[in-house]
N, C-alpha and C. Protein backbone atom coordinates (compact mmCIF):
# COMPACT_ATOMS: atom_id res chain seq x y z
N MET A 1 0.92 -0.87 0.35
CA MET A 1 0.17 0.22 -0.41
C MET A 1 0.95 1.24 -0.22
N THR A 2 0.84 2.42 -0.88
CA THR A 2 1.19 3.71 -1.09
C THR A 2 1.05 3.75 0.92
N ARG A 3 1.93 5.31 0.59
CA ARG A 3 2.09 6.41 1.59
C ARG A 3 1.08 6.87 2.40
N ARG A 4 0.34 7.37 0.78
CA ARG A 4 -1.33 8.07 1.02
C ARG A 4 -1.90 7.10 1.41
N GLY A 5 -2.72 5.59 0.53
CA GLY A 5 -3.31 4.85 0.54
C GLY A 5 -3.32 4.57 2.45
N THR A 6 -1.88 4.72 3.73
CA THR A 6 -1.84 4.15 4.35
C THR A 6 -2.53 5.78 5.55
N TYR A 7 -1.98 6.36 4.44
CA TYR A 7 -2.43 7.87 5.42
C TYR A 7 -4.51 7.36 5.94
N ALA A 8 -4.38 7.70 4.32
CA ALA A 8 -5.88 7.07 3.97
C ALA A 8 -6.84 6.43 4.90
N VAL A 9 -6.25 5.14 4.86
CA VAL A 9 -6.80 4.19 5.93
C VAL A 9 -6.97 4.74 7.70
N GLY A 10 -5.61 5.48 8.28
CA GLY A 10 -5.43 6.09 8.97
C GLY A 10 -6.48 6.69 9.39
N ARG A 11 -6.41 7.95 8.49
CA ARG A 11 -8.05 8.86 8.89
C ARG A 11 -9.12 8.20 8.59
N ALA A 12 -9.41 7.62 8.33
CA ALA A 12 -10.98 6.50 8.62
C ALA A 12 -11.05 6.46 9.22
N ARG A 13 -9.88 5.64 9.75
CA ARG A 13 -10.12 4.42 11.36
C ARG A 13 -10.28 4.98 12.20
N ARG A 14 -9.59 7.03 12.51
CA ARG A 14 -9.01 7.73 13.63
C ARG A 14 -10.65 8.47 13.63
N GLU A 15 -11.67 8.70 11.99
CA GLU A 15 -12.58 9.01 12.65
C GLU A 15 -13.66 8.30 12.35
N GLN A 16 -13.52 6.88 12.32
CA GLN A 16 -14.62 5.66 13.19
C GLN A 16 -14.63 6.01 14.74
N ILE A 17 -12.73 6.06 14.73
CA ILE A 17 -13.31 5.61 16.58
C ILE A 17 -13.89 6.99 17.29
N LEU A 18 -13.82 8.38 16.18
CA LEU A 18 -14.46 9.75 16.78
C LEU A 18 -15.62 8.94 17.40
N ASP A 19 -16.99 8.89 15.79
CA ASP A 19 -17.84 8.15 15.35
C ASP A 19 -18.66 7.76 17.18
N VAL A 20 -17.03 6.00 16.89
CA VAL A 20 -17.79 5.74 18.11
C VAL A 20 -17.81 6.41 19.56
N ALA A 21 -16.48 6.87 19.62
CA ALA A 21 -16.37 7.95 21.24
C ALA A 21 -17.68 8.73 21.58
N THR A 22 -17.68 9.58 20.07
CA THR A 22 -18.48 11.03 20.81
C THR A 22 -20.41 9.83 20.71
N ALA A 23 -20.74 9.37 19.89
CA ALA A 23 -22.07 8.44 20.40
C ALA A 23 -21.31 8.11 22.01
N LYS A 24 -20.76 7.15 21.77
CA LYS A 24 -20.65 6.83 23.15
C LYS A 24 -21.27 7.30 24.61
N PHE A 25 -19.94 8.87 24.73
CA PHE A 25 -20.37 10.01 25.34
C PHE A 25 -21.26 9.99 24.99
N ALA A 26 -22.05 10.74 24.28
CA ALA A 26 -23.48 11.30 24.13
C ALA A 26 -24.15 10.86 24.49
N THR A 27 -24.29 9.42 24.87
CA THR A 27 -25.42 8.47 24.95
C THR A 27 -25.17 8.02 26.89
N GLN A 28 -24.01 7.46 27.38
CA GLN A 28 -23.72 7.27 28.04
C GLN A 28 -23.06 8.24 28.93
N GLY A 29 -22.09 8.81 28.87
CA GLY A 29 -21.87 9.37 29.45
C GLY A 29 -20.19 8.97 29.63
N TYR A 30 -19.56 10.55 29.32
CA TYR A 30 -17.74 9.56 29.34
C TYR A 30 -16.79 9.51 30.22
N SER A 31 -17.39 9.80 31.70
CA SER A 31 -16.20 8.51 32.50
C SER A 31 -17.61 7.24 32.66
N ARG A 32 -18.45 6.99 32.19
CA ARG A 32 -19.46 5.52 32.01
C ARG A 32 -18.44 4.98 30.65
N THR A 33 -17.62 5.75 29.98
CA THR A 33 -17.00 4.68 28.48
C THR A 33 -16.12 4.76 28.78
N SER A 34 -15.65 3.84 28.69
CA SER A 34 -13.97 2.68 28.56
C SER A 34 -13.31 2.96 27.14
N MET A 35 -12.35 3.09 27.53
CA MET A 35 -10.99 2.48 26.12
C MET A 35 -11.20 0.90 25.76
N ALA A 36 -11.72 0.34 27.02
CA ALA A 36 -11.84 -0.91 26.15
C ALA A 36 -12.81 -1.50 25.45
N ARG A 37 -13.92 -0.41 25.59
CA ARG A 37 -15.46 -0.33 24.82
C ARG A 37 -14.98 -0.29 23.39
N ILE A 38 -14.98 1.12 23.76
CA ILE A 38 -14.56 1.72 22.04
C ILE A 38 -13.86 0.95 21.43
N ALA A 39 -12.38 1.00 21.97
CA ALA A 39 -11.95 -0.20 21.28
C ALA A 39 -12.73 -1.18 20.54
N ARG A 40 -13.13 -2.13 21.22
CA ARG A 40 -14.34 -3.48 20.51
C ARG A 40 -15.21 -3.09 20.51
N ASP A 41 -16.24 -1.52 20.07
CA ASP A 41 -17.05 -1.81 18.90
C ASP A 41 -16.20 -1.34 17.41
N VAL A 42 -15.29 -0.23 17.40
CA VAL A 42 -14.42 0.15 16.37
C VAL A 42 -13.70 -1.14 15.85
N GLY A 43 -13.56 -2.72 17.01
CA GLY A 43 -12.27 -3.36 15.86
C GLY A 43 -11.05 -3.74 16.26
N LEU A 44 -10.78 -2.87 17.35
CA LEU A 44 -9.86 -2.97 18.19
C LEU A 44 -9.33 -3.12 19.11
N THR A 45 -7.76 -4.32 18.95
CA THR A 45 -6.96 -4.07 19.91
C THR A 45 -7.23 -2.79 20.98
N GLY A 46 -6.87 -2.57 22.42
CA GLY A 46 -6.19 -1.82 23.78
C GLY A 46 -5.77 -1.28 22.56
N PRO A 47 -4.19 -1.63 22.11
CA PRO A 47 -3.18 -0.71 21.94
C PRO A 47 -3.48 -0.12 20.65
N GLY A 48 -4.06 -1.01 19.81
CA GLY A 48 -4.81 -0.57 17.82
C GLY A 48 -5.94 0.83 18.41
N LEU A 49 -5.94 0.75 19.68
CA LEU A 49 -6.80 1.89 20.07
C LEU A 49 -5.84 3.60 20.70
N THR A 50 -4.66 3.04 21.58
CA THR A 50 -3.70 4.34 21.52
C THR A 50 -3.01 4.15 21.11
N HIS A 51 -2.78 2.99 19.59
CA HIS A 51 -2.25 4.17 18.38
C HIS A 51 -2.78 5.25 18.19
N HIS A 52 -3.43 5.30 18.19
CA HIS A 52 -4.75 6.98 17.36
C HIS A 52 -4.65 8.08 18.49
N PHE A 53 -4.86 7.20 20.08
CA PHE A 53 -4.97 8.05 20.56
C PHE A 53 -5.12 8.05 22.04
N PRO A 54 -3.78 8.01 22.84
CA PRO A 54 -2.41 7.46 23.86
C PRO A 54 -3.42 7.48 24.62
N THR A 55 -4.20 8.15 25.52
CA THR A 55 -4.69 8.11 26.66
C THR A 55 -6.77 8.39 26.11
N LYS A 56 -7.12 8.99 27.74
CA LYS A 56 -8.61 8.67 27.18
C LYS A 56 -8.72 10.59 27.30
N THR A 57 -7.17 11.17 27.89
CA THR A 57 -7.81 13.40 27.65
C THR A 57 -7.40 12.97 26.34
N HIS A 58 -6.32 12.69 25.38
CA HIS A 58 -6.27 12.63 24.10
C HIS A 58 -7.72 12.81 22.94
N LEU A 59 -8.74 11.80 23.57
CA LEU A 59 -9.84 11.26 22.97
C LEU A 59 -10.98 11.80 22.66
N LEU A 60 -11.10 12.36 24.21
CA LEU A 60 -11.51 13.88 24.93
C LEU A 60 -11.71 14.62 24.34
N VAL A 61 -10.33 15.06 24.30
CA VAL A 61 -10.29 16.16 23.59
C VAL A 61 -10.79 16.87 21.63
N ALA A 62 -10.34 15.76 21.23
CA ALA A 62 -10.77 14.98 19.87
C ALA A 62 -12.32 15.42 19.21
N VAL A 63 -13.10 14.18 20.11
CA VAL A 63 -14.23 14.83 20.33
C VAL A 63 -14.60 15.90 21.22
N ALA A 64 -14.22 16.39 21.49
CA ALA A 64 -14.72 17.71 22.20
C ALA A 64 -14.56 18.98 20.61
N GLU A 65 -14.01 18.70 20.04
CA GLU A 65 -13.14 19.08 18.97
C GLU A 65 -14.07 19.21 17.79
N ARG A 66 -14.40 17.77 17.51
CA ARG A 66 -15.12 17.98 16.76
C ARG A 66 -16.67 18.68 17.07
N ARG A 67 -17.38 18.76 18.20
CA ARG A 67 -18.21 19.43 17.92
C ARG A 67 -18.64 20.36 18.27
N PHE A 68 -17.75 20.90 18.64
CA PHE A 68 -17.05 22.45 18.36
C PHE A 68 -16.65 23.18 16.91
N ASP A 69 -16.48 21.68 16.01
CA ASP A 69 -16.50 22.17 14.69
C ASP A 69 -17.91 21.93 13.82
N LEU A 70 -18.98 21.39 14.31
CA LEU A 70 -20.08 21.15 14.28
C LEU A 70 -21.20 21.95 14.13
N ILE A 71 -20.39 22.52 15.32
CA ILE A 71 -21.74 23.49 16.34
C ILE A 71 -21.07 24.44 15.08
N ASN A 72 -19.88 25.40 14.45
CA ASN A 72 -19.72 26.54 14.67
C ASN A 72 -20.00 26.08 13.12
N GLU A 73 -20.38 24.88 12.10
CA GLU A 73 -21.06 24.67 11.01
C GLU A 73 -22.36 24.69 10.79
N TRP A 74 -22.73 24.18 12.46
CA TRP A 74 -24.82 25.09 11.72
C TRP A 74 -24.65 26.44 12.54
N ALA A 75 -24.35 26.58 13.21
CA ALA A 75 -24.21 28.43 13.47
C ALA A 75 -23.75 30.04 12.57
N ALA A 76 -23.18 29.00 11.29
CA ALA A 76 -22.82 29.81 10.57
C ALA A 76 -24.27 30.02 8.93
N THR A 77 -24.92 28.22 9.10
CA THR A 77 -25.48 27.86 8.13
C THR A 77 -27.14 28.12 8.80
N THR A 78 -26.93 29.31 10.01
CA THR A 78 -27.95 28.46 10.80
C THR A 78 -28.87 30.32 10.44
N GLU A 79 -29.34 30.55 9.82
CA GLU A 79 -30.40 31.91 9.28
C GLU A 79 -31.83 32.20 10.48
N GLY A 80 -31.23 33.23 10.63
CA GLY A 80 -32.46 33.67 12.07
C GLY A 80 -32.48 35.16 13.01
N ASP A 81 -32.72 35.35 13.88
CA ASP A 81 -32.83 36.70 14.81
C ASP A 81 -31.72 34.95 15.87
N PRO A 82 -30.04 36.01 15.82
CA PRO A 82 -29.38 36.09 17.26
C PRO A 82 -30.09 34.77 17.85
N LEU A 83 -31.06 35.27 18.75
CA LEU A 83 -31.92 35.21 20.35
C LEU A 83 -31.83 33.41 19.96
N ARG A 84 -33.14 34.12 18.89
CA ARG A 84 -33.30 32.55 18.39
C ARG A 84 -32.32 31.31 17.60
N GLN A 85 -31.67 31.87 17.93
CA GLN A 85 -31.03 30.97 17.28
C GLN A 85 -30.06 29.78 18.49
N MET A 86 -29.37 30.62 19.56
CA MET A 86 -29.51 30.57 21.00
C MET A 86 -29.69 29.81 21.66
N VAL A 87 -31.32 29.48 21.23
CA VAL A 87 -32.61 29.47 21.77
C VAL A 87 -32.21 27.81 21.73
N ARG A 88 -32.38 27.97 19.85
CA ARG A 88 -32.06 26.06 19.19
C ARG A 88 -31.20 25.26 20.03
N MET A 89 -29.98 26.66 19.73
CA MET A 89 -28.61 25.82 20.40
C MET A 89 -29.55 25.18 22.08
N ALA A 90 -29.14 25.76 22.88
CA ALA A 90 -29.73 25.63 24.33
C ALA A 90 -29.96 23.87 24.20
N HIS A 91 -31.47 23.82 22.74
CA HIS A 91 -32.18 22.56 22.69
C HIS A 91 -30.60 21.54 21.75
N MET A 92 -30.09 22.41 21.60
CA MET A 92 -29.51 20.45 20.79
C MET A 92 -28.63 20.50 22.03
N PHE A 93 -28.26 20.64 22.58
CA PHE A 93 -27.17 21.02 23.79
C PHE A 93 -28.21 19.79 24.85
N ALA A 94 -29.28 20.04 24.89
CA ALA A 94 -30.02 19.01 25.75
C ALA A 94 -30.58 18.21 25.11
N ALA A 95 -30.57 17.51 23.92
CA ALA A 95 -30.57 16.28 23.75
C ALA A 95 -29.29 15.48 23.23
N GLN A 96 -28.15 16.18 24.09
CA GLN A 96 -27.49 15.28 23.66
C GLN A 96 -26.27 15.57 25.01
N PRO A 97 -27.24 15.12 26.26
CA PRO A 97 -26.65 15.25 27.76
C PRO A 97 -25.32 14.54 28.13
N GLY A 98 -25.05 13.80 27.37
CA GLY A 98 -23.09 13.13 27.77
C GLY A 98 -22.91 14.03 27.09
N LEU A 99 -22.73 14.45 25.96
CA LEU A 99 -22.20 16.24 25.53
C LEU A 99 -21.72 16.87 25.83
N ILE A 100 -23.03 17.61 26.91
CA ILE A 100 -22.66 18.45 27.92
C ILE A 100 -22.00 18.25 29.12
N GLU A 101 -21.64 17.29 29.49
CA GLU A 101 -20.69 16.55 30.59
C GLU A 101 -19.33 16.64 29.53
N LEU A 102 -19.37 16.01 28.48
CA LEU A 102 -18.18 16.16 28.28
C LEU A 102 -17.88 17.72 27.45
N PHE A 103 -18.30 19.37 27.55
CA PHE A 103 -18.04 20.00 27.79
C PHE A 103 -17.37 20.66 29.24
N VAL A 104 -18.06 19.94 29.83
CA VAL A 104 -17.91 20.74 31.12
C VAL A 104 -16.62 20.05 31.56
N LEU A 105 -15.93 18.31 31.48
CA LEU A 105 -14.78 18.03 31.59
C LEU A 105 -13.69 18.31 30.63
N VAL A 106 -13.80 19.24 29.35
CA VAL A 106 -12.42 19.59 29.08
C VAL A 106 -12.17 20.93 29.15
N SER A 107 -13.01 22.02 29.65
CA SER A 107 -13.33 22.95 30.19
C SER A 107 -12.51 23.24 31.03
N ALA A 108 -12.71 22.23 32.12
CA ALA A 108 -11.25 21.70 33.21
C ALA A 108 -9.93 21.56 32.94
N GLU A 109 -9.92 21.19 31.83
CA GLU A 109 -8.44 20.42 31.01
C GLU A 109 -8.04 21.58 30.52
N ALA A 110 -8.74 22.78 30.12
CA ALA A 110 -8.53 24.10 29.36
C ALA A 110 -7.83 24.96 30.36
N ALA A 111 -8.09 24.30 31.80
CA ALA A 111 -7.30 25.44 32.62
C ALA A 111 -6.16 25.10 32.71
N ASP A 112 -6.12 24.96 32.50
CA ASP A 112 -3.85 24.30 31.92
C ASP A 112 -3.50 24.79 31.06
N PRO A 113 -2.85 25.50 31.01
CA PRO A 113 -1.73 26.70 29.78
C PRO A 113 -1.26 25.78 29.61
N THR A 114 -1.11 24.35 28.94
CA THR A 114 -0.20 23.47 28.94
C THR A 114 -0.74 21.93 27.83
N SER A 115 -1.80 22.53 28.45
CA SER A 115 -3.35 21.14 28.07
C SER A 115 -3.66 21.76 26.53
N ALA A 116 -3.58 20.54 25.51
CA ALA A 116 -4.00 20.04 24.04
C ALA A 116 -5.73 20.88 24.09
N ALA A 117 -5.81 21.19 25.41
CA ALA A 117 -8.06 21.27 25.44
C ALA A 117 -7.62 23.05 25.40
N HIS A 118 -6.61 23.60 26.24
CA HIS A 118 -6.67 24.83 26.09
C HIS A 118 -6.80 25.35 25.38
N SER A 119 -5.61 25.48 24.14
CA SER A 119 -5.97 26.93 22.62
C SER A 119 -6.83 25.45 22.33
N LEU A 120 -7.22 24.81 22.51
CA LEU A 120 -9.10 24.47 21.77
C LEU A 120 -9.77 25.55 21.97
N TYR A 121 -9.80 25.78 23.00
CA TYR A 121 -10.95 26.43 24.21
C TYR A 121 -10.36 28.02 23.61
N VAL A 122 -9.25 28.68 23.67
CA VAL A 122 -9.04 29.76 23.72
C VAL A 122 -9.42 29.62 21.74
N ASP A 123 -9.70 29.07 21.01
CA ASP A 123 -10.27 28.99 19.49
C ASP A 123 -10.71 28.89 19.51
N ARG A 124 -12.22 28.79 20.07
CA ARG A 124 -13.01 28.04 20.28
C ARG A 124 -13.98 28.89 20.78
N TYR A 125 -13.49 29.90 21.67
CA TYR A 125 -14.05 31.38 22.41
C TYR A 125 -14.14 32.48 21.52
N GLU A 126 -12.88 32.41 20.68
CA GLU A 126 -13.59 33.77 19.95
C GLU A 126 -13.34 33.50 18.43
N ARG A 127 -13.48 32.27 17.76
CA ARG A 127 -14.60 31.74 16.40
C ARG A 127 -16.33 32.17 17.76
N VAL A 128 -16.77 31.74 18.34
CA VAL A 128 -17.96 31.74 19.25
C VAL A 128 -18.37 33.31 19.19
N VAL A 129 -17.82 34.01 19.73
CA VAL A 129 -17.81 35.38 20.13
C VAL A 129 -18.26 35.81 18.71
N ALA A 130 -17.22 36.04 17.41
CA ALA A 130 -16.61 36.37 16.20
C ALA A 130 -18.23 36.52 15.70
N ALA A 131 -18.40 35.01 15.62
CA ALA A 131 -19.65 33.85 15.14
C ALA A 131 -21.62 34.78 15.74
N LEU A 132 -21.50 35.04 16.46
CA LEU A 132 -22.29 35.94 17.50
C LEU A 132 -22.34 38.02 17.25
N VAL A 133 -21.67 38.48 17.15
CA VAL A 133 -20.96 39.63 17.08
C VAL A 133 -22.03 39.64 15.60
N ALA A 134 -21.02 39.02 14.56
CA ALA A 134 -22.15 38.82 13.15
C ALA A 134 -22.84 38.58 13.26
N SER A 135 -23.97 37.31 13.58
CA SER A 135 -25.31 37.50 13.93
C SER A 135 -25.74 39.17 14.33
N PHE A 136 -25.46 39.31 16.12
CA PHE A 136 -25.85 40.55 15.76
C PHE A 136 -26.51 41.95 15.03
N ARG A 137 -24.54 42.34 14.88
CA ARG A 137 -24.61 43.46 13.59
C ARG A 137 -24.70 43.35 12.20
N HIS A 138 -25.82 41.89 11.61
CA HIS A 138 -27.28 41.50 10.36
C HIS A 138 -27.88 42.31 11.46
N GLY A 139 -28.66 41.74 12.50
CA GLY A 139 -29.47 42.36 13.31
C GLY A 139 -29.45 44.10 12.57
N VAL A 140 -28.45 44.79 13.20
CA VAL A 140 -28.10 45.79 13.42
C VAL A 140 -28.45 46.58 11.60
N GLU A 141 -28.08 45.78 11.09
CA GLU A 141 -28.04 46.48 9.54
C GLU A 141 -29.66 45.92 9.67
N SER A 142 -30.31 44.97 9.73
CA SER A 142 -32.15 44.50 8.63
C SER A 142 -32.97 45.90 10.46
N GLY A 143 -31.91 46.69 10.78
CA GLY A 143 -33.21 47.61 11.55
C GLY A 143 -33.40 46.80 13.13
N HIS A 144 -33.34 45.39 13.37
CA HIS A 144 -33.97 44.66 14.44
C HIS A 144 -33.47 45.26 16.08
N LEU A 145 -31.75 45.34 15.33
CA LEU A 145 -31.25 45.62 17.22
C LEU A 145 -30.19 46.77 17.44
N ARG A 146 -30.36 47.14 17.80
CA ARG A 146 -30.04 49.06 18.39
C ARG A 146 -28.41 49.16 17.94
N ALA A 147 -28.00 50.14 17.43
CA ALA A 147 -26.59 50.30 16.81
C ALA A 147 -25.54 50.64 18.42
N ASP A 148 -26.29 51.57 19.31
CA ASP A 148 -25.79 51.94 20.72
C ASP A 148 -25.46 51.16 21.17
N VAL A 149 -25.14 49.76 21.41
CA VAL A 149 -24.99 48.16 22.30
C VAL A 149 -23.32 47.48 21.85
N ASP A 150 -22.67 47.47 22.75
CA ASP A 150 -20.85 46.49 22.68
C ASP A 150 -21.86 45.26 22.63
N TYR A 151 -21.61 44.53 21.70
CA TYR A 151 -22.34 43.61 20.94
C TYR A 151 -21.46 42.93 21.21
N GLU A 152 -20.15 42.89 21.44
CA GLU A 152 -19.14 41.46 22.24
C GLU A 152 -18.96 41.60 23.43
N ALA A 153 -18.79 42.50 24.37
CA ALA A 153 -19.44 42.23 25.74
C ALA A 153 -20.90 41.54 25.88
N VAL A 154 -21.59 41.66 25.33
CA VAL A 154 -23.22 41.18 24.94
C VAL A 154 -23.05 38.91 24.70
N ALA A 155 -22.40 39.28 23.45
CA ALA A 155 -22.03 37.99 23.26
C ALA A 155 -21.37 37.22 24.04
N ARG A 156 -20.34 37.48 24.86
CA ARG A 156 -19.81 37.01 26.15
C ARG A 156 -20.27 37.00 27.13
N GLU A 157 -21.42 37.66 28.48
CA GLU A 157 -21.95 37.58 27.92
C GLU A 157 -22.86 35.89 27.68
N CYS A 158 -23.39 36.14 27.05
CA CYS A 158 -24.37 35.11 26.02
C CYS A 158 -23.72 33.63 27.18
N ILE A 159 -22.12 33.75 26.32
CA ILE A 159 -21.75 32.12 25.75
C ILE A 159 -20.61 32.07 28.13
N ALA A 160 -21.00 33.26 28.60
CA ALA A 160 -20.71 32.94 30.55
C ALA A 160 -22.05 32.13 30.94
N VAL A 161 -23.39 32.53 30.32
CA VAL A 161 -24.67 32.31 30.58
C VAL A 161 -24.90 30.48 30.54
N ALA A 162 -24.61 30.78 29.38
CA ALA A 162 -24.65 29.30 28.27
C ALA A 162 -23.84 28.48 28.92
N ASP A 163 -22.52 28.49 29.63
CA ASP A 163 -21.24 27.50 29.92
C ASP A 163 -21.66 27.28 31.51
N GLY A 164 -22.11 28.62 31.82
CA GLY A 164 -22.26 28.55 33.36
C GLY A 164 -23.55 27.52 33.56
N LEU A 165 -24.60 27.84 33.19
CA LEU A 165 -25.31 26.73 33.23
C LEU A 165 -25.23 24.68 32.93
N GLN A 166 -24.59 25.02 31.74
CA GLN A 166 -24.29 23.66 31.38
C GLN A 166 -23.32 23.13 32.56
N LEU A 167 -22.44 23.69 33.04
CA LEU A 167 -21.79 23.27 34.75
C LEU A 167 -22.85 22.61 35.70
N GLN A 168 -23.90 23.84 35.92
CA GLN A 168 -24.75 23.31 37.06
C GLN A 168 -25.89 21.63 36.85
N TRP A 169 -25.98 22.13 35.27
CA TRP A 169 -26.51 20.93 34.83
C TRP A 169 -25.98 19.49 35.12
N VAL A 170 -24.68 20.11 35.02
CA VAL A 170 -23.89 18.61 35.37
C VAL A 170 -23.96 18.33 36.98
N ILE A 171 -23.66 19.65 37.76
CA ILE A 171 -23.46 19.10 38.81
C ILE A 171 -24.97 18.58 39.59
N THR A 172 -25.99 19.66 39.02
CA THR A 172 -27.02 18.94 39.89
C THR A 172 -27.57 17.87 38.85
N GLY A 173 -27.60 16.40 38.25
CA GLY A 173 -27.49 15.36 37.94
C GLY A 173 -28.55 15.45 36.59
N GLY A 174 -28.41 16.63 35.62
CA GLY A 174 -29.00 17.05 34.88
C GLY A 174 -30.70 17.74 35.29
N THR A 175 -31.27 18.36 36.54
CA THR A 175 -32.70 17.93 36.71
C THR A 175 -33.09 19.66 36.35
N ILE A 176 -31.66 20.42 35.65
CA ILE A 176 -32.35 21.55 35.88
C ILE A 176 -32.55 21.85 34.42
N ASP A 177 -33.41 23.06 33.93
CA ASP A 177 -34.35 23.24 33.20
C ASP A 177 -33.36 23.66 31.64
N LEU A 178 -32.41 23.33 31.79
CA LEU A 178 -30.65 23.66 30.30
C LEU A 178 -31.68 24.73 29.36
N PRO A 179 -32.73 23.74 28.84
CA PRO A 179 -33.26 24.89 27.56
C PRO A 179 -34.75 26.69 28.10
N ALA A 180 -34.46 26.21 29.09
CA ALA A 180 -35.23 27.13 30.00
C ALA A 180 -35.03 28.34 30.81
N LEU A 181 -34.30 28.04 31.05
CA LEU A 181 -33.07 28.76 31.49
C LEU A 181 -32.86 29.81 31.02
N ILE A 182 -31.38 29.36 29.84
CA ILE A 182 -31.10 30.53 28.90
C ILE A 182 -31.88 30.82 28.34
N ARG A 183 -33.46 30.09 27.56
CA ARG A 183 -34.14 30.99 26.49
C ARG A 183 -34.85 32.30 27.57
N GLY A 184 -34.61 32.33 28.99
CA GLY A 184 -34.98 33.27 30.38
C GLY A 184 -34.40 34.14 30.31
N HIS A 185 -32.95 34.49 30.49
CA HIS A 185 -32.18 34.74 30.45
C HIS A 185 -32.06 35.97 28.67
N LEU A 186 -32.59 35.33 27.67
CA LEU A 186 -32.43 35.68 26.38
C LEU A 186 -33.45 36.62 26.43
N GLU A 187 -34.46 36.27 27.18
CA GLU A 187 -36.12 37.49 27.36
C GLU A 187 -35.66 38.38 27.82
N ARG A 188 -35.21 37.89 29.22
CA ARG A 188 -34.71 39.79 29.79
C ARG A 188 -34.10 40.39 28.88
N LEU A 189 -32.82 39.41 28.08
CA LEU A 189 -31.37 40.57 27.45
C LEU A 189 -32.59 41.15 26.68
N ALA A 190 -33.59 41.39 25.74
CA ALA A 190 -34.25 41.31 24.40
C ALA A 190 -34.06 43.01 24.43
N PRO A 191 -35.11 43.21 25.74
CA PRO A 191 -36.02 44.18 26.10
C PRO A 191 -34.82 45.70 25.56
N ALA A 192 -33.09 46.16 25.86
CA ALA A 192 -32.24 46.59 25.88
C ALA A 192 -31.28 46.10 24.86
N ILE A 193 -31.90 44.81 23.82
CA ILE A 193 -31.47 45.52 22.81
C ILE A 193 -31.87 45.63 21.49
N LEU A 194 -33.68 45.06 21.12
CA LEU A 194 -34.09 45.26 20.78
C LEU A 194 -34.60 46.71 20.03
N THR A 195 -34.63 46.69 18.78
CA THR A 195 -35.03 48.41 18.37
C THR A 195 -36.34 48.98 18.93
N SER A 196 -37.43 47.24 19.42
CA SER A 196 -38.86 47.38 19.23
C SER A 196 -38.81 48.11 21.90
N GLY A 197 -38.01 47.55 21.37
CA GLY A 197 -37.09 47.65 23.55
C GLY A 197 -38.97 46.46 24.08
N GLU A 198 -38.70 45.79 23.05
CA GLU A 198 -40.17 44.78 23.81
C GLU A 198 -39.74 43.42 24.31
N THR A 199 -40.00 42.72 24.96
CA THR A 199 -39.53 41.13 25.16
C THR A 199 -40.14 40.50 24.74
N PRO A 200 -39.88 39.28 23.96
CA PRO A 200 -40.77 38.96 22.84
C PRO A 200 -40.43 37.48 22.92
N ASP A 201 -40.79 36.90 22.37
CA ASP A 201 -41.50 35.25 23.22
C ASP A 201 -40.56 34.50 22.69
N LEU A 202 -40.22 34.36 23.02
CA LEU A 202 -38.83 32.87 22.30
C LEU A 202 -39.49 31.62 21.62
N ALA A 203 -40.31 31.67 20.80
CA ALA A 203 -40.99 30.61 21.07
C ALA A 203 -40.03 29.39 21.16
N PRO A 204 -41.01 27.94 21.71
CA PRO A 204 -40.41 26.65 22.09
C PRO A 204 -39.96 26.21 20.46
N VAL A 205 -39.28 24.42 20.71
CA VAL A 205 -38.25 24.34 19.58
C VAL A 205 -39.22 23.82 19.18
N SER A 206 -40.52 23.47 19.21
CA SER A 206 -41.75 23.18 18.58
C SER A 206 -42.51 23.74 17.33
N GLU A 207 -42.75 24.23 17.16
CA GLU A 207 -42.76 26.33 16.93
C GLU A 207 -41.89 26.82 16.55
N TRP A 208 -41.17 26.43 15.89
CA TRP A 208 -40.32 27.53 15.33
C TRP A 208 -40.78 26.65 13.68
N GLY A 209 -41.15 25.90 13.10
CA GLY A 209 -41.49 26.07 11.36
C GLY A 209 -42.28 27.23 11.94
N ARG A 210 -43.56 27.41 12.23
CA ARG A 210 -44.60 27.51 11.73
C ARG A 210 -44.30 29.25 12.06
N GLU A 211 -43.07 29.90 12.85
CA GLU A 211 -43.09 31.16 12.62
C GLU A 211 -43.21 32.01 11.51
């Protein structure tokens, strides 16, 4: 097999591992998913798995990176006002509870500046802030949002609320209503940034198709 062919096979196997790990982490949680189980489901030995991901932490960071990439792609292609986009995102998080745990775990890893998770989170925050600010500015241009607002500060506040609530979700064992709490925060924020000054009803996910 050529070097290019070997690389392609290795890349395909790595993606297969990430597919399985993402599904397991999402449904069973990170702490309850063993490397041995992932190796079995992929059809690898333990050493075969560690060839691609030396430790479970390496695998955790890779799954988190993939999740961020998917979220960024989703946000870039989703049209509509930023407040409803963030409510949609909250419902997407709630539908994958195991990945909320994963996000919180990688956040702890990211506190160490020598960790691979650190640079991942630095990039993640800058990209998410930039995407939200662009969405807010589009709202200003369309006349729906006020122009005299620091939207970078608003974006960082919204991210802090969402991330903090994901931490609380994990700590409370998933007993808090994550989408409802994020929705409540955004409805309280709305009068300060909407040109109408009104408090909108950010409709639940089942109603979006009828707006």
